[in-house]
C-alpha atoms as a PDB file:
ATOM      1  CA  MET A   1      89.022  87.966 125.320  1.00  0.00           C
ATOM      2  CA  ALA A   2      86.660  89.809 127.639  1.00  0.00           C
ATOM      3  CA  ASP A   3      88.998  92.795 128.077  1.00  0.00           C
ATOM      4  CA  LEU A   4      90.171  93.536 124.549  1.00  0.00           C
ATOM      5  CA  SER A   5      91.770  96.828 125.568  1.00  0.00           C
ATOM      6  CA  ALA A   6      94.364  94.775 127.443  1.00  0.00           C
ATOM      7  CA  ALA A   7      95.342  92.667 124.408  1.00  0.00           C
ATOM      8  CA  SER A   8      99.093  92.902 123.905  1.00  0.00           C
ATOM      9  CA  GLU A   9     101.015  93.020 120.657  1.00  0.00           C
ATOM     10  CA  GLU A  10     102.189  89.492 121.406  1.00  0.00           C
ATOM     11  CA  ASP A  11      98.549  88.375 121.802  1.00  0.00           C
ATOM     12  CA  VAL A  12      97.811  89.577 118.300  1.00  0.00           C
ATOM     13  CA  LYS A  13     100.953  88.023 116.855  1.00  0.00           C
ATOM     14  CA  ASN A  14     100.001  84.727 118.463  1.00  0.00           C
ATOM     15  CA  PHE A  15      96.621  84.898 116.769  1.00  0.00           C
ATOM     16  CA  PHE A  16      98.342  84.485 113.412  1.00  0.00           C
ATOM     17  CA  ARG A  17     101.163  82.320 112.217  1.00  0.00           C
ATOM     18  CA  ILE A  18     103.279  82.602 109.080  1.00  0.00           C
ATOM     19  CA  TYR A  19     104.907  79.558 107.490  1.00  0.00           C
ATOM     20  CA  TYR A  20     107.910  80.458 105.378  1.00  0.00           C
ATOM     21  CA  ALA A  21     109.167  78.408 102.438  1.00  0.00           C
ATOM     22  CA  PRO A  22     112.044  79.386 100.145  1.00  0.00           C
ATOM     23  CA  ASN A  23     109.779  81.221  97.733  1.00  0.00           C
ATOM     24  CA  ASN A  24     106.434  81.479  99.426  1.00  0.00           C
ATOM     25  CA  ALA A  25     104.700  82.162 102.679  1.00  0.00           C
ATOM     26  CA  THR A  26     101.218  81.317 103.882  1.00  0.00           C
ATOM     27  CA  LEU A  27      99.311  83.319 106.471  1.00  0.00           C
ATOM     28  CA  SER A  28      96.635  81.387 108.311  1.00  0.00           C
ATOM     29  CA  ILE A  29      94.645  81.564 111.514  1.00  0.00           C
ATOM     30  CA  ALA A  30      96.165  79.918 114.564  1.00  0.00           C
ATOM     31  CA  GLY A  31      94.646  78.694 117.795  1.00  0.00           C
ATOM     32  CA  ASP A  32      91.013  78.295 118.734  1.00  0.00           C
ATOM     33  CA  PHE A  33      89.937  81.906 118.254  1.00  0.00           C
ATOM     34  CA  GLU A  34      87.071  82.981 116.026  1.00  0.00           C
ATOM     35  CA  PRO A  35      88.079  85.570 113.404  1.00  0.00           C
ATOM     36  CA  ALA A  36      84.990  87.671 114.188  1.00  0.00           C
ATOM     37  CA  GLN A  37      85.987  87.973 117.837  1.00  0.00           C
ATOM     38  CA  ALA A  38      89.552  88.965 117.033  1.00  0.00           C
ATOM     39  CA  LYS A  39      88.750  92.129 115.113  1.00  0.00           C
ATOM     40  CA  ALA A  40      89.337  94.411 118.074  1.00  0.00           C
ATOM     41  CA  TRP A  41      92.711  92.770 118.704  1.00  0.00           C
ATOM     42  CA  VAL A  42      93.746  93.487 115.133  1.00  0.00           C
ATOM     43  CA  ALA A  43      92.427  97.054 115.415  1.00  0.00           C
ATOM     44  CA  LYS A  44      94.539  97.568 118.532  1.00  0.00           C
ATOM     45  CA  TYR A  45      97.604  96.166 116.747  1.00  0.00           C
ATOM     46  CA  SER A  46      97.281  98.928 114.104  1.00  0.00           C
ATOM     47  CA  GLY A  47      98.633 101.437 116.619  1.00  0.00           C
ATOM     48  CA  ALA A  48      95.993 103.953 115.481  1.00  0.00           C
ATOM     49  CA  THR A  49      95.215 106.736 117.928  1.00  0.00           C
ATOM     50  CA  ASP A  50      91.632 107.137 116.744  1.00  0.00           C
ATOM     51  CA  ALA A  51      88.748 104.708 116.293  1.00  0.00           C
ATOM     52  CA  ASP A  52      88.422 105.498 112.559  1.00  0.00           C
ATOM     53  CA  GLY A  53      91.990 104.430 111.838  1.00  0.00           C
ATOM     54  CA  ALA A  54      91.774 101.313 113.994  1.00  0.00           C
ATOM     55  CA  GLN A  55      88.541 100.240 112.329  1.00  0.00           C
ATOM     56  CA  ASP A  56      89.901 100.881 108.824  1.00  0.00           C
ATOM     57  CA  PHE A  57      93.026  98.833 109.552  1.00  0.00           C
ATOM     58  CA  ALA A  58      90.952  95.939 110.904  1.00  0.00           C
ATOM     59  CA  ASP A  59      88.556  96.150 107.944  1.00  0.00           C
ATOM     60  CA  GLU A  60      91.546  95.976 105.607  1.00  0.00           C
ATOM     61  CA  VAL A  61      93.033  92.925 107.329  1.00  0.00           C
ATOM     62  CA  PHE A  62      89.781  90.990 107.514  1.00  0.00           C
ATOM     63  CA  GLY A  63      88.796  91.960 103.974  1.00  0.00           C
ATOM     64  CA  VAL A  64      91.999  90.354 102.707  1.00  0.00           C
ATOM     65  CA  MET A  65      91.485  87.330 104.948  1.00  0.00           C
ATOM     66  CA  LYS A  66      87.936  86.858 103.679  1.00  0.00           C
ATOM     67  CA  SER A  67      88.802  87.055  99.977  1.00  0.00           C
ATOM     68  CA  GLY A  68      92.308  85.630 100.129  1.00  0.00           C
ATOM     69  CA  ALA A  69      95.237  87.201  98.321  1.00  0.00           C
ATOM     70  CA  SER A  70      98.618  86.574  96.766  1.00  0.00           C
ATOM     71  CA  ARG A  71     101.331  89.218  96.471  1.00  0.00           C
ATOM     72  CA  LEU A  72     104.952  89.272  95.335  1.00  0.00           C
ATOM     73  CA  THR A  73     107.192  91.049  97.862  1.00  0.00           C
ATOM     74  CA  ASP A  74     109.971  93.454  96.916  1.00  0.00           C
ATOM     75  CA  ASP A  75     112.559  90.719  97.583  1.00  0.00           C
ATOM     76  CA  GLY A  76     110.844  88.254  95.238  1.00  0.00           C
ATOM     77  CA  HIS A  77     108.880  86.089  97.687  1.00  0.00           C
ATOM     78  CA  THR A  78     105.228  85.182  97.216  1.00  0.00           C
ATOM     79  CA  VAL A  79     102.922  85.707 100.192  1.00  0.00           C
ATOM     80  CA  PHE A  80      99.683  83.729  99.998  1.00  0.00           C
ATOM     81  CA  VAL A  81      96.676  84.397 102.261  1.00  0.00           C
ATOM     82  CA  PRO A  82      94.045  81.628 101.980  1.00  0.00           C
ATOM     83  CA  PRO A  83      90.371  82.722 102.067  1.00  0.00           C
ATOM     84  CA  THR A  84      88.877  82.637 105.560  1.00  0.00           C
ATOM     85  CA  PRO A  85      85.064  82.904 105.785  1.00  0.00           C
ATOM     86  CA  GLY A  86      83.344  84.880 108.494  1.00  0.00           C
ATOM     87  CA  GLN A  87      81.871  88.281 109.275  1.00  0.00           C
ATOM     88  CA  PRO A  88      83.958  90.297 111.773  1.00  0.00           C
ATOM     89  CA  ASP A  89      82.191  91.843 114.754  1.00  0.00           C
ATOM     90  CA  ARG A  90      82.708  95.614 114.968  1.00  0.00           C
ATOM     91  CA  SER A  91      80.926  95.992 118.301  1.00  0.00           C
ATOM     92  CA  ARG A  92      84.049  95.116 120.318  1.00  0.00           C
ATOM     93  CA  LEU A  93      85.988  98.074 118.875  1.00  0.00           C
ATOM     94  CA  ASP A  94      84.390 100.340 121.477  1.00  0.00           C
ATOM     95  CA  GLN A  95      86.359  98.479 124.140  1.00  0.00           C
ATOM     96  CA  LEU A  96      89.568 100.052 122.836  1.00  0.00           C
ATOM     97  CA  GLY A  97      88.570 103.424 124.279  1.00  0.00           C
ATOM     98  CA  LEU A  98      89.556 105.412 121.159  1.00  0.00           C
ATOM     99  CA  HIS A  99      87.824 108.591 119.978  1.00  0.00           C
ATOM    100  CA  TRP A 100      86.058 108.976 116.634  1.00  0.00           C
ATOM    101  CA  LEU A 101      87.276 111.778 114.360  1.00  0.00           C
ATOM    102  CA  SER A 102      85.087 114.794 113.695  1.00  0.00           C
ATOM    103  CA  LYS A 103      83.866 115.327 110.127  1.00  0.00           C
ATOM    104  CA  PRO A 104      83.758 119.066 109.349  1.00  0.00           C
ATOM    105  CA  ASP A 105      82.078 120.303 106.176  1.00  0.00           C
ATOM    106  CA  LYS A 106      85.452 121.116 104.590  1.00  0.00           C
ATOM    107  CA  LEU A 107      86.509 117.477 104.732  1.00  0.00           C
ATOM    108  CA  GLU A 108      86.381 115.787 101.305  1.00  0.00           C
ATOM    109  CA  CYS A 109      86.997 112.094 101.907  1.00  0.00           C
ATOM    110  CA  PRO A 110      84.984 108.915 101.376  1.00  0.00           C
ATOM    111  CA  ASN A 111      82.888 108.073 104.425  1.00  0.00           C
ATOM    112  CA  ASP A 112      84.576 104.731 105.051  1.00  0.00           C
ATOM    113  CA  VAL A 113      88.179 105.963 105.383  1.00  0.00           C
ATOM    114  CA  SER A 114      89.918 107.457 108.405  1.00  0.00           C
ATOM    115  CA  CYS A 115      90.256 111.110 107.450  1.00  0.00           C
ATOM    116  CA  GLU A 116      90.944 114.264 109.447  1.00  0.00           C
ATOM    117  CA  TRP A 117      90.962 117.973 108.607  1.00  0.00           C
ATOM    118  CA  VAL A 118      94.436 119.401 109.367  1.00  0.00           C
ATOM    119  CA  PRO A 119      94.429 122.731 107.511  1.00  0.00           C
ATOM    120  CA  ALA A 120      97.321 124.257 105.636  1.00  0.00           C
ATOM    121  CA  PRO A 121      97.498 127.985 106.454  1.00  0.00           C
ATOM    122  CA  TYR A 122      96.526 130.677 103.987  1.00  0.00           C
ATOM    123  CA  GLN A 123      98.404 133.567 105.542  1.00  0.00           C
ATOM    124  CA  GLN A 124      99.802 136.975 104.583  1.00  0.00           C
ATOM    125  CA  LEU A 125     103.501 137.074 105.472  1.00  0.00           C
ATOM    126  CA  SER A 126     104.270 140.778 104.986  1.00  0.00           C
ATOM    127  CA  ALA A 127     102.797 144.021 103.687  1.00  0.00           C
ATOM    128  CA  ASP A 128     103.595 142.892 100.153  1.00  0.00           C
ATOM    129  CA  PRO A 129     100.311 141.535  98.673  1.00  0.00           C
ATOM    130  CA  GLY A 130     102.278 138.849  96.828  1.00  0.00           C
ATOM    131  CA  ASP A 131     104.018 137.595  99.958  1.00  0.00           C
ATOM    132  CA  TYR A 132     101.715 134.930 101.327  1.00  0.00           C
ATOM    133  CA  GLY A 133     101.530 131.166 101.805  1.00  0.00           C
ATOM    134  CA  ASN A 134     101.113 128.314 101.422  1.00  0.00           C
ATOM    135  CA  HIS A 135      98.466 127.877  98.712  1.00  0.00           C
ATOM    136  CA  ASP A 136      95.984 129.845  96.610  1.00  0.00           C
ATOM    137  CA  LEU A 137      92.294 130.262  97.239  1.00  0.00           C
ATOM    138  CA  SER A 138      90.176 129.495  94.205  1.00  0.00           C
ATOM    139  CA  ASP A 139      86.796 128.185  93.124  1.00  0.00           C
ATOM    140  CA  ARG A 140      87.599 125.255  90.887  1.00  0.00           C
ATOM    141  CA  PRO A 141      86.082 123.972  88.664  1.00  0.00           C
ATOM    142  CA  HIS A 142      84.147 127.222  88.091  1.00  0.00           C
ATOM    143  CA  VAL A 143      87.352 129.191  87.484  1.00  0.00           C
ATOM    144  CA  GLY A 144      89.537 126.373  86.199  1.00  0.00           C
ATOM    145  CA  GLN A 145      89.302 122.691  85.383  1.00  0.00           C
ATOM    146  CA  ILE A 146      90.849 119.972  87.564  1.00  0.00           C
ATOM    147  CA  ASP A 147      92.592 117.603  85.146  1.00  0.00           C
ATOM    148  CA  TYR A 148      95.309 115.811  87.138  1.00  0.00           C
ATOM    149  CA  ILE A 149      96.125 113.978  90.338  1.00  0.00           C
ATOM    150  CA  VAL A 150      99.820 114.242  91.254  1.00  0.00           C
ATOM    151  CA  ILE A 151     101.288 111.441  93.373  1.00  0.00           C
ATOM    152  CA  HIS A 152     104.082 112.435  95.783  1.00  0.00           C
ATOM    153  CA  ASP A 153     106.013 110.863  98.616  1.00  0.00           C
ATOM    154  CA  THR A 154     106.938 112.722 101.778  1.00  0.00           C
ATOM    155  CA  GLU A 155     110.674 111.953 101.982  1.00  0.00           C
ATOM    156  CA  GLY A 156     110.238 112.302 105.727  1.00  0.00           C
ATOM    157  CA  THR A 157     108.317 111.104 108.752  1.00  0.00           C
ATOM    158  CA  TRP A 158     104.587 111.523 109.217  1.00  0.00           C
ATOM    159  CA  ASP A 159     104.904 114.056 112.046  1.00  0.00           C
ATOM    160  CA  GLY A 160     107.577 116.031 110.234  1.00  0.00           C
ATOM    161  CA  THR A 161     105.494 116.193 107.069  1.00  0.00           C
ATOM    162  CA  ILE A 162     102.390 117.400 108.900  1.00  0.00           C
ATOM    163  CA  ASN A 163     104.455 120.105 110.595  1.00  0.00           C
ATOM    164  CA  LEU A 164     105.703 121.259 107.187  1.00  0.00           C
ATOM    165  CA  VAL A 165     102.257 121.589 105.621  1.00  0.00           C
ATOM    166  CA  LYS A 166     101.158 123.688 108.620  1.00  0.00           C
ATOM    167  CA  ASP A 167     104.027 126.134 107.990  1.00  0.00           C
ATOM    168  CA  PRO A 168     102.765 129.192 106.024  1.00  0.00           C
ATOM    169  CA  THR A 169     106.263 129.775 104.622  1.00  0.00           C
ATOM    170  CA  TYR A 170     106.461 126.270 103.124  1.00  0.00           C
ATOM    171  CA  LEU A 171     104.359 124.502 100.470  1.00  0.00           C
ATOM    172  CA  GLY A 172     100.801 123.213 100.568  1.00  0.00           C
ATOM    173  CA  TRP A 173      99.134 120.096  99.114  1.00  0.00           C
ATOM    174  CA  HIS A 174      95.673 118.600  99.443  1.00  0.00           C
ATOM    175  CA  TYR A 175      96.090 115.210 101.155  1.00  0.00           C
ATOM    176  CA  THR A 176      98.699 113.209 103.089  1.00  0.00           C
ATOM    177  CA  VAL A 177      98.341 109.419 103.495  1.00  0.00           C
ATOM    178  CA  ARG A 178      99.980 107.578 106.405  1.00  0.00           C
ATOM    179  CA  SER A 179     101.812 104.330 105.681  1.00  0.00           C
ATOM    180  CA  SER A 180     101.041 102.407 108.884  1.00  0.00           C
ATOM    181  CA  ASP A 181      97.255 102.377 108.563  1.00  0.00           C
ATOM    182  CA  GLY A 182      96.196 104.441 105.532  1.00  0.00           C
ATOM    183  CA  HIS A 183      94.928 107.329 107.654  1.00  0.00           C
ATOM    184  CA  ILE A 184      94.440 110.518 105.616  1.00  0.00           C
ATOM    185  CA  ASP A 185      94.864 114.153 106.584  1.00  0.00           C
ATOM    186  CA  GLN A 186      93.277 116.712 104.283  1.00  0.00           C
ATOM    187  CA  HIS A 187      94.938 120.128 104.287  1.00  0.00           C
ATOM    188  CA  ILE A 188      93.444 122.132 101.415  1.00  0.00           C
ATOM    189  CA  GLN A 189      89.971 121.965  99.894  1.00  0.00           C
ATOM    190  CA  THR A 190      90.039 120.580  96.374  1.00  0.00           C
ATOM    191  CA  LYS A 191      88.548 123.799  94.977  1.00  0.00           C
ATOM    192  CA  ASP A 192      91.736 125.603  96.065  1.00  0.00           C
ATOM    193  CA  VAL A 193      95.179 125.393  94.452  1.00  0.00           C
ATOM    194  CA  GLY A 194      98.066 123.730  96.262  1.00  0.00           C
ATOM    195  CA  TRP A 195     101.743 124.492  95.732  1.00  0.00           C
ATOM    196  CA  HIS A 196     103.192 121.032  95.224  1.00  0.00           C
ATOM    197  CA  ALA A 197     104.144 120.205  91.624  1.00  0.00           C
ATOM    198  CA  GLY A 198     106.872 122.735  90.809  1.00  0.00           C
ATOM    199  CA  ASN A 199     104.891 123.763  87.726  1.00  0.00           C
ATOM    200  CA  TRP A 200     102.253 126.462  88.107  1.00  0.00           C
ATOM    201  CA  ASP A 201     100.049 125.228  85.258  1.00  0.00           C
ATOM    202  CA  VAL A 202      99.978 121.721  86.746  1.00  0.00           C
ATOM    203  CA  ASN A 203      99.313 123.139  90.228  1.00  0.00           C
ATOM    204  CA  ALA A 204      96.370 125.126  88.905  1.00  0.00           C
ATOM    205  CA  ARG A 205      94.855 122.027  87.301  1.00  0.00           C
ATOM    206  CA  SER A 206      95.690 119.313  89.831  1.00  0.00           C
ATOM    207  CA  ILE A 207      95.172 117.814  93.270  1.00  0.00           C
ATOM    208  CA  GLY A 208      98.289 116.739  95.156  1.00  0.00           C
ATOM    209  CA  ILE A 209      98.447 113.600  97.330  1.00  0.00           C
ATOM    210  CA  GLU A 210     101.507 113.000  99.526  1.00  0.00           C
ATOM    211  CA  HIS A 211     102.301 109.471 100.729  1.00  0.00           C
ATOM    212  CA  GLU A 212     104.472 108.712 103.729  1.00  0.00           C
ATOM    213  CA  GLY A 213     107.607 107.037 102.395  1.00  0.00           C
ATOM    214  CA  PHE A 214     110.904 107.465 100.590  1.00  0.00           C
ATOM    215  CA  ALA A 215     111.193 107.157  96.814  1.00  0.00           C
ATOM    216  CA  TRP A 216     114.352 105.060  96.739  1.00  0.00           C
ATOM    217  CA  THR A 217     113.722 102.741  99.690  1.00  0.00           C
ATOM    218  CA  PRO A 218     111.826  99.523  98.878  1.00  0.00           C
ATOM    219  CA  GLY A 219     109.037  98.101 101.006  1.00  0.00           C
ATOM    220  CA  LEU A 220     107.779 101.328 102.598  1.00  0.00           C
ATOM    221  CA  TYR A 221     104.515 101.832 100.708  1.00  0.00           C
ATOM    222  CA  THR A 222     101.856  99.677 102.364  1.00  0.00           C
ATOM    223  CA  THR A 223      98.667  98.103 101.069  1.00  0.00           C
ATOM    224  CA  ALA A 224      96.662 100.226 103.495  1.00  0.00           C
ATOM    225  CA  GLU A 225      98.366 103.336 102.096  1.00  0.00           C
ATOM    226  CA  TYR A 226      97.707 102.350  98.484  1.00  0.00           C
ATOM    227  CA  ASN A 227      94.078 101.475  99.156  1.00  0.00           C
ATOM    228  CA  ALA A 228      93.273 104.650 101.087  1.00  0.00           C
ATOM    229  CA  SER A 229      94.893 106.820  98.427  1.00  0.00           C
ATOM    230  CA  ALA A 230      93.072 104.904  95.681  1.00  0.00           C
ATOM    231  CA  GLN A 231      89.777 105.712  97.375  1.00  0.00           C
ATOM    232  CA  ILE A 232      90.687 109.403  97.376  1.00  0.00           C
ATOM    233  CA  ALA A 233      91.654 109.206  93.693  1.00  0.00           C
ATOM    234  CA  ALA A 234      88.368 107.451  92.875  1.00  0.00           C
ATOM    235  CA  SER A 235      86.367 110.117  94.704  1.00  0.00           C
ATOM    236  CA  ILE A 236      88.221 112.868  92.819  1.00  0.00           C
ATOM    237  CA  CYS A 237      87.435 111.065  89.577  1.00  0.00           C
ATOM    238  CA  SER A 238      83.784 110.848  90.506  1.00  0.00           C
ATOM    239  CA  ARG A 239      83.419 114.425  91.752  1.00  0.00           C
ATOM    240  CA  TRP A 240      85.572 116.366  89.308  1.00  0.00           C
ATOM    241  CA  GLY A 241      85.763 114.149  86.231  1.00  0.00           C
ATOM    242  CA  VAL A 242      89.515 113.549  86.320  1.00  0.00           C
ATOM    243  CA  LEU A 243      90.318 110.659  84.026  1.00  0.00           C
ATOM    244  CA  LEU A 244      91.669 107.633  85.884  1.00  0.00           C
ATOM    245  CA  ASP A 245      94.493 106.843  83.498  1.00  0.00           C
ATOM    246  CA  ARG A 246      98.232 107.352  83.530  1.00  0.00           C
ATOM    247  CA  SER A 247      97.961 110.534  81.503  1.00  0.00           C
ATOM    248  CA  HIS A 248      96.032 112.176  84.320  1.00  0.00           C
ATOM    249  CA  VAL A 249      97.165 110.348  87.471  1.00  0.00           C
ATOM    250  CA  VAL A 250     100.891 111.036  87.419  1.00  0.00           C
ATOM    251  CA  GLY A 251     103.960 110.976  89.619  1.00  0.00           C
ATOM    252  CA  HIS A 252     105.730 114.148  90.657  1.00  0.00           C
ATOM    253  CA  ASN A 253     108.684 112.804  88.674  1.00  0.00           C
ATOM    254  CA  GLU A 254     106.567 113.046  85.506  1.00  0.00           C
ATOM    255  CA  VAL A 255     105.646 116.730  85.869  1.00  0.00           C
ATOM    256  CA  PRO A 256     107.573 118.803  83.293  1.00  0.00           C
ATOM    257  CA  ASP A 257     110.054 121.435  84.365  1.00  0.00           C
ATOM    258  CA  PRO A 258     108.308 124.623  83.207  1.00  0.00           C
ATOM    259  CA  ASN A 259     111.671 126.229  82.452  1.00  0.00           C
ATOM    260  CA  ASN A 260     113.173 123.317  80.537  1.00  0.00           C
ATOM    261  CA  PRO A 261     110.779 120.981  78.663  1.00  0.00           C
ATOM    262  CA  SER A 262     113.479 118.313  78.368  1.00  0.00           C
ATOM    263  CA  LEU A 263     113.503 117.798  82.160  1.00  0.00           C
ATOM    264  CA  THR A 264     110.862 116.465  84.543  1.00  0.00           C
ATOM    265  CA  GLY A 265     110.069 116.453  88.248  1.00  0.00           C
ATOM    266  CA  GLY A 266     108.902 120.063  88.213  1.00  0.00           C
ATOM    267  CA  SER A 267     111.268 122.988  88.576  1.00  0.00           C
ATOM    268  CA  ASP A 268     113.292 121.165  91.274  1.00  0.00           C
ATOM    269  CA  HIS A 269     113.450 117.821  89.400  1.00  0.00           C
ATOM    270  CA  HIS A 270     111.855 115.576  92.014  1.00  0.00           C
ATOM    271  CA  THR A 271     111.947 111.791  91.557  1.00  0.00           C
ATOM    272  CA  ASP A 272     109.011 110.752  93.756  1.00  0.00           C
ATOM    273  CA  PRO A 273     107.145 108.503  94.182  1.00  0.00           C
ATOM    274  CA  GLY A 274     110.091 106.514  92.802  1.00  0.00           C
ATOM    275  CA  PRO A 275     110.595 103.062  91.277  1.00  0.00           C
ATOM    276  CA  TYR A 276     108.976 101.139  94.152  1.00  0.00           C
ATOM    277  CA  TRP A 277     105.566 102.747  93.768  1.00  0.00           C
ATOM    278  CA  ASN A 278     103.264 100.014  92.381  1.00  0.00           C
ATOM    279  CA  TRP A 279     101.403 101.865  89.651  1.00  0.00           C
ATOM    280  CA  THR A 280      99.657  98.750  88.348  1.00  0.00           C
ATOM    281  CA  TYR A 281      98.100  97.884  91.708  1.00  0.00           C
ATOM    282  CA  TYR A 282      97.272 101.502  92.517  1.00  0.00           C
ATOM    283  CA  MET A 283      95.497 102.243  89.249  1.00  0.00           C
ATOM    284  CA  GLN A 284      93.561  98.966  89.280  1.00  0.00           C
ATOM    285  CA  GLN A 285      92.400  99.648  92.831  1.00  0.00           C
ATOM    286  CA  ALA A 286      91.385 103.246  92.048  1.00  0.00           C
ATOM    287  CA  GLN A 287      89.465 102.193  88.947  1.00  0.00           C
ATOM    288  CA  THR A 288      87.682  99.434  90.878  1.00  0.00           C
ATOM    289  CA  ASP A 289      86.730 101.889  93.627  1.00  0.00           C
ATOM    290  CA  ALA A 290      85.501 104.451  91.096  1.00  0.00           C
ATOM    291  CA  LYS A 291      83.118 101.963  89.500  1.00  0.00           C
ATOM    292  CA  GLY A 292      81.283 101.628  92.818  1.00  0.00           C
ATOM    293  CA  LEU A 293      80.617 105.362  93.206  1.00  0.00           C
ATOM    294  CA  PRO A 294      77.249 106.997  92.411  1.00  0.00           C
ATOM    295  CA  SER A 295      78.370 109.141  89.497  1.00  0.00           C
ATOM    296  CA  PRO A 296      79.769 107.461  86.367  1.00  0.00           C
ATOM    297  CA  PRO A 297      83.508 106.822  86.709  1.00  0.00           C
ATOM    298  CA  HIS A 298      85.791 108.535  84.236  1.00  0.00           C
ATOM    299  CA  VAL A 299      88.063 105.618  83.428  1.00  0.00           C
ATOM    300  CA  ALA A 300      90.070 105.770  80.225  1.00  0.00           C
ATOM    301  CA  GLN A 301      92.537 103.441  78.576  1.00  0.00           C
ATOM    302  CA  PRO A 302      96.217 103.750  79.568  1.00  0.00           C
ATOM    303  CA  GLN A 303      98.094 106.406  77.636  1.00  0.00           C
ATOM    304  CA  THR A 304     101.543 107.942  77.533  1.00  0.00           C
ATOM    305  CA  VAL A 305     101.971 110.639  80.162  1.00  0.00           C
ATOM    306  CA  ARG A 306     101.973 114.114  78.584  1.00  0.00           C
ATOM    307  CA  LEU A 307     101.542 117.110  80.849  1.00  0.00           C
ATOM    308  CA  PRO A 308     101.466 120.831  79.947  1.00  0.00           C
ATOM    309  CA  LEU A 309     104.817 122.499  79.634  1.00  0.00           C
ATOM    310  CA  SER A 310     103.826 126.085  80.367  1.00  0.00           C
ATOM    311  CA  SER A 311     104.896 127.727  83.614  1.00  0.00           C
END
């Protein structure tokens, strides 16, 4: 393991083994390797193109291995990971030869997540003062309260989604979370107003988070994606006082149509994030993360979702 940059995907797969039974699977360490020494192999396996993403993926894997876990898969199987003691060694990550992401002042992400500033354009499109895109400049919360977090899915690939948010003639949202490793791109500062909910009142009072995936395809949302997004939600809760309950952290499918109060999904009746989004896990993770932040978390009891109906 001297040259970790040369570790192949097969090397990493051989480091683990999975035993399948009819209704359960156990992941355990194989071979004579020390878990601490294997962290760089796991980081390489993430496929991340930057050191932040590789480190976050490895931290996620070894955090689960250390504590152990049990999850029910979409097809009804139980996956059990037994606790494995040990403290992974981060020093070998430098051997991967990846760059660390810059952290500009505009970036609003927790320090321990892979996050990059990929701005959405604020651009005049013609001589008409009202013809511009793809979001509104503001100074929230001084000129308006932030009350909601709206959960979306991309309904497209990562690269395609990032190209869309960089198009001044399209729509703008605040964050996009990648499924493979939980990497986050921030596009709009949270003080500014994104165009994402299909309801102007909700836009003006919310922060939009897109998640790579498809609403009606099971198994696409990953643990890394949930956990990274939960950290963003927790930081929004801590900074802006958004309540971490299901009245204030909502799916795009729950946003009222401003033109017809009997319909939801905004004006275009979106259905994301869909039935396979694990709200229970996501909210529990966000609330746990919020409790560890410096300012008091704003965690309320679960309530029925009721959003404003005005346009």
